[in-house]
Amino acid sequence: MNRKRLCLIIDVASLVICLIPLAWFLLRASKLPDVVPVHFGFGNVPTRFGSKWEYLFMPLFSIGVIFFWNMLPTFWALQRSRCLHA
């Protein structure tokens, strides 16, 4: 298996893993209470409560990181071509 295909498989798998909690939240958002525990301390005791919409942060952040990580080589190539032509 070549490197490009392996990277594509890993990227798709990462995206699917990030979309699962996002889909779960969107399907269950109307049934969740407005205030939910968002951080747990020792003994599995909630130490911070917040809006149910805070559950969107991690999946969306992860998708953003995947997108940025995949676009980084493109940005570097554009920057290099600008430096060479300047």
Protein backbone atom coordinates (compact mmCIF):
# COMPACT_ATOMS: atom_id res chain seq x y z
CA MET A 1 0.00 0.00 0.00
CA ASN A 2 1.48 3.33 -0.96
CA ARG A 3 1.90 6.22 1.46
CA LYS A 4 -0.70 8.47 -0.17
CA ARG A 5 -3.43 5.84 0.09
CA LEU A 6 -2.53 5.07 3.70
CA CYS A 7 -2.75 8.76 4.59
CA LEU A 8 -6.16 9.00 2.93
CA ILE A 9 -7.43 5.99 4.90
CA ILE A 10 -6.15 7.48 8.16
CA ASP A 11 -7.72 10.87 7.37
CA VAL A 12 -11.10 9.35 6.55
CA ALA A 13 -11.02 7.17 9.68
CA SER A 14 -10.13 10.21 11.83
CA LEU A 15 -12.95 12.21 10.34
CA VAL A 16 -15.46 9.40 10.92
CA ILE A 17 -14.29 9.07 14.54
CA CYS A 18 -14.86 12.83 15.02
CA LEU A 19 -18.26 12.77 13.33
CA ILE A 20 -19.68 10.01 15.56
CA PRO A 21 -19.95 12.16 18.73
CA LEU A 22 -21.13 15.11 16.64
CA ALA A 23 -23.93 13.02 15.12
CA TRP A 24 -24.81 11.60 18.56
CA PHE A 25 -25.11 15.10 19.99
CA LEU A 26 -27.22 16.40 17.11
CA LEU A 27 -29.60 13.45 17.44
CA ARG A 28 -29.91 13.83 21.22
CA ALA A 29 -29.64 17.61 21.72
CA SER A 30 -33.36 18.16 22.15
CA LYS A 31 -33.52 15.51 24.91
CA LEU A 32 -30.53 16.80 26.92
CA PRO A 33 -31.09 19.23 29.80
CA ASP A 34 -29.91 22.82 29.29
CA VAL A 35 -27.25 22.46 32.02
CA VAL A 36 -25.02 19.37 31.88
CA PRO A 37 -21.81 18.29 33.64
CA VAL A 38 -18.81 19.12 31.46
CA HIS A 39 -15.89 18.24 33.75
CA PHE A 40 -15.43 15.42 36.23
CA GLY A 41 -12.95 15.26 39.09
CA PHE A 42 -11.68 12.40 41.21
CA GLY A 43 -14.29 9.81 42.07
CA ASN A 44 -16.24 10.70 38.92
CA VAL A 45 -17.82 13.70 40.66
CA PRO A 46 -18.88 16.60 38.40
CA THR A 47 -16.77 19.68 39.14
CA ARG A 48 -18.12 21.99 36.44
CA PHE A 49 -21.47 22.40 34.74
CA GLY A 50 -22.16 24.19 31.49
CA SER A 51 -24.49 24.50 28.54
CA LYS A 52 -25.29 21.39 26.55
CA TRP A 53 -23.82 23.18 23.52
CA GLU A 54 -20.36 22.87 25.06
CA TYR A 55 -20.45 19.22 23.99
CA LEU A 56 -19.96 20.47 20.42
CA PHE A 57 -16.51 21.90 21.18
CA MET A 58 -14.37 18.76 21.02
CA PRO A 59 -15.79 17.22 17.82
CA LEU A 60 -15.68 20.56 15.98
CA PHE A 61 -12.20 21.34 17.28
CA SER A 62 -10.98 17.89 16.19
CA ILE A 63 -12.42 18.34 12.70
CA GLY A 64 -10.69 21.73 12.50
CA VAL A 65 -7.35 20.19 13.50
CA ILE A 66 -7.73 17.45 10.86
CA PHE A 67 -8.53 20.05 8.21
CA PHE A 68 -5.63 22.29 9.24
CA TRP A 69 -3.19 19.37 9.40
CA ASN A 70 -4.19 18.28 5.87
CA MET A 71 -3.97 21.79 4.45
CA LEU A 72 -0.58 22.59 6.01
CA PRO A 73 1.52 21.07 3.17
CA THR A 74 -0.52 23.08 0.66
CA PHE A 75 0.15 26.32 2.57
CA TRP A 76 3.87 25.49 2.78
CA ALA A 77 4.02 24.81 -0.97
CA LEU A 78 2.27 28.11 -1.73
CA GLN A 79 4.61 29.99 0.58
CA ARG A 80 7.67 28.35 -0.97
CA SER A 81 6.52 29.18 -4.51
CA ARG A 82 5.92 32.82 -3.51
CA CYS A 83 9.41 33.05 -2.02
CA LEU A 84 10.99 31.53 -5.11
CA HIS A 85 9.18 33.90 -7.48
CA ALA A 86 9.79 37.03 -5.44
